[in-house]
Amino acid sequence: MSNGGFRSLRVWQKGKELAVYIYKITNAGEFKKDYGLKDQIRRAVVSIPSNIAEGDELDTDKQATRHFFIAKGSCAEVLTQAIIAHEIRYIDSGVFEEIEKCCTELAKMLAKLIAARSKRQPFYP
C-alpha cells in the first residue's frame, strides 16, 4: 500500500497514457461510428490504470494482487480488440503496433508487480 502514491507508479502512468491514446484513436474515422467495439475497448483500457490504482490503495497484498491480475487481463482484452480493429481497418499498422507494444510492456510490468506483492513478508515478532 502506498498511501495515495499510485500516481507515482510507472505502471499506472503507462496504463493511463494508453487509456488516453485509445480514447483519442476511437474518436476518429470508422472507429468512432462502431459504438460496440469503441465502448468495449474504452472500458477495457480504463480498467487498467483504475485497477492498478485501486489495488495499490488496498490494505493487503492479496487484495492488491487480485486487482493487478484484473488489470493484466484487461491488457489482453485491449490487445485483442486492437487486433480486431486492425484487421477490419479501423486502425493502421503503426497505431496497432504502438498499442501492441504498450499492452505487452504493461503486462510485463504488472507481472513483476504481482510477483513482488505476492511474496510473503517475513514475520518479525
Protein backbone atom coordinates (compact mmCIF):
# COMPACT_ATOMS: atom_id res chain seq x y z
CA MET A 1 0.00 0.00 0.00
CA SER A 2 1.45 3.35 -0.98
CA ASN A 3 -0.99 5.75 0.73
CA GLY A 4 -2.11 7.56 -2.40
CA GLY A 5 1.11 7.25 -4.30
CA PHE A 6 -0.32 5.20 -7.17
CA ARG A 7 0.21 8.18 -9.49
CA SER A 8 3.95 7.78 -8.97
CA LEU A 9 3.86 4.15 -10.17
CA ARG A 10 5.31 3.92 -13.68
CA VAL A 11 2.90 1.09 -14.49
CA TRP A 12 -0.08 3.29 -13.58
CA GLN A 13 1.32 6.17 -15.66
CA LYS A 14 1.77 3.93 -18.72
CA GLY A 15 -1.72 2.48 -18.26
CA LYS A 16 -3.24 5.95 -18.06
CA GLU A 17 -1.28 7.07 -21.14
CA LEU A 18 -2.60 4.06 -23.07
CA ALA A 19 -6.15 4.92 -21.99
CA VAL A 20 -5.79 8.50 -23.25
CA TYR A 21 -4.33 7.22 -26.54
CA ILE A 22 -7.18 4.72 -27.04
CA TYR A 23 -9.78 7.41 -26.34
CA LYS A 24 -8.19 9.63 -28.99
CA ILE A 25 -7.99 6.97 -31.71
CA THR A 26 -11.52 5.72 -31.07
CA ASN A 27 -12.85 9.24 -31.58
CA ALA A 28 -11.96 9.26 -35.27
CA GLY A 29 -12.87 7.57 -38.54
CA GLU A 30 -14.84 4.36 -38.70
CA PHE A 31 -13.90 3.50 -35.11
CA LYS A 32 -15.96 6.47 -33.93
CA LYS A 33 -19.09 5.01 -35.53
CA ASP A 34 -18.71 1.48 -34.14
CA TYR A 35 -20.27 2.07 -30.74
CA GLY A 36 -19.95 -1.56 -29.62
CA LEU A 37 -16.22 -2.01 -30.22
CA LYS A 38 -15.45 1.59 -29.23
CA ASP A 39 -17.25 1.18 -25.90
CA GLN A 40 -15.69 -2.23 -25.22
CA ILE A 41 -12.08 -1.18 -25.84
CA ARG A 42 -12.58 2.02 -23.85
CA ARG A 43 -14.00 0.14 -20.85
CA ALA A 44 -11.15 -2.38 -21.00
CA VAL A 45 -8.40 0.25 -21.27
CA VAL A 46 -9.81 2.37 -18.43
CA SER A 47 -9.83 -0.77 -16.29
CA ILE A 48 -6.03 -1.00 -16.47
CA PRO A 49 -4.99 2.15 -14.55
CA SER A 50 -8.18 2.03 -12.45
CA ASN A 51 -7.40 -1.44 -11.10
CA ILE A 52 -3.74 -0.56 -10.57
CA ALA A 53 -4.78 2.48 -8.51
CA GLU A 54 -7.40 0.55 -6.54
CA GLY A 55 -5.05 -2.35 -5.88
CA ASP A 56 -2.30 -0.05 -4.70
CA GLU A 57 -4.67 1.56 -2.19
CA LEU A 58 -5.84 -1.69 -0.60
CA ASP A 59 -4.70 -2.95 2.79
CA THR A 60 -3.32 -6.36 1.89
CA ASP A 61 -1.04 -7.72 -0.80
CA LYS A 62 -3.64 -10.41 -1.53
CA GLN A 63 -6.29 -7.78 -2.27
CA ALA A 64 -3.82 -5.73 -4.28
CA THR A 65 -2.60 -8.60 -6.46
CA ARG A 66 -6.20 -9.54 -7.32
CA HIS A 67 -6.66 -6.07 -8.85
CA PHE A 68 -3.29 -6.22 -10.59
CA PHE A 69 -4.35 -9.54 -12.19
CA ILE A 70 -7.57 -7.88 -13.39
CA ALA A 71 -5.51 -5.04 -14.91
CA LYS A 72 -3.26 -7.61 -16.61
CA GLY A 73 -6.32 -9.36 -18.04
CA SER A 74 -7.59 -6.03 -19.32
CA CYS A 75 -4.29 -5.60 -21.22
CA ALA A 76 -5.04 -8.83 -23.08
CA GLU A 77 -8.58 -7.64 -23.74
CA VAL A 78 -7.37 -4.32 -25.19
CA LEU A 79 -4.81 -6.10 -27.37
CA THR A 80 -7.48 -8.50 -28.67
CA GLN A 81 -9.78 -5.61 -29.54
CA ALA A 82 -6.90 -3.76 -31.21
CA ILE A 83 -6.15 -6.85 -33.33
CA ILE A 84 -9.78 -6.88 -34.45
CA ALA A 85 -9.77 -3.11 -35.11
CA HIS A 86 -6.61 -3.52 -37.19
CA GLU A 87 -7.99 -6.44 -39.20
CA ILE A 88 -11.19 -4.55 -40.04
CA ARG A 89 -9.07 -1.49 -40.93
CA TYR A 90 -10.24 0.87 -38.17
CA ILE A 91 -6.59 1.44 -37.25
CA ASP A 92 -3.45 1.28 -39.35
CA SER A 93 -0.38 -0.85 -38.69
CA GLY A 94 1.52 1.94 -36.93
CA VAL A 95 -1.27 2.55 -34.42
CA PHE A 96 -1.73 -1.17 -33.88
CA GLU A 97 1.99 -1.70 -33.28
CA GLU A 98 2.01 1.12 -30.69
CA ILE A 99 -0.95 -0.44 -28.84
CA GLU A 100 0.63 -3.89 -29.02
CA LYS A 101 3.93 -2.55 -27.65
CA CYS A 102 2.17 -0.75 -24.79
CA CYS A 103 0.00 -3.73 -23.86
CA THR A 104 2.98 -6.09 -23.88
CA GLU A 105 5.07 -3.73 -21.76
CA LEU A 106 2.21 -3.16 -19.31
CA ALA A 107 1.59 -6.91 -18.95
CA LYS A 108 5.28 -7.46 -18.14
CA MET A 109 5.32 -4.63 -15.62
CA LEU A 110 2.16 -5.97 -13.98
CA ALA A 111 3.64 -9.48 -13.83
CA LYS A 112 6.63 -8.06 -11.94
CA LEU A 113 4.38 -6.07 -9.62
CA ILE A 114 2.25 -9.15 -8.94
CA ALA A 115 5.37 -11.22 -8.19
CA ALA A 116 6.71 -8.55 -5.83
CA ARG A 117 3.41 -8.15 -3.95
CA SER A 118 2.71 -11.90 -3.80
CA LYS A 119 5.82 -12.72 -1.79
CA ARG A 120 5.12 -13.38 1.84
CA GLN A 121 6.57 -10.77 4.13
CA PRO A 122 8.95 -12.10 6.79
CA PHE A 123 7.43 -12.28 10.25
CA TYR A 124 9.28 -10.35 12.92
CA PRO A 125 7.79 -10.65 16.41
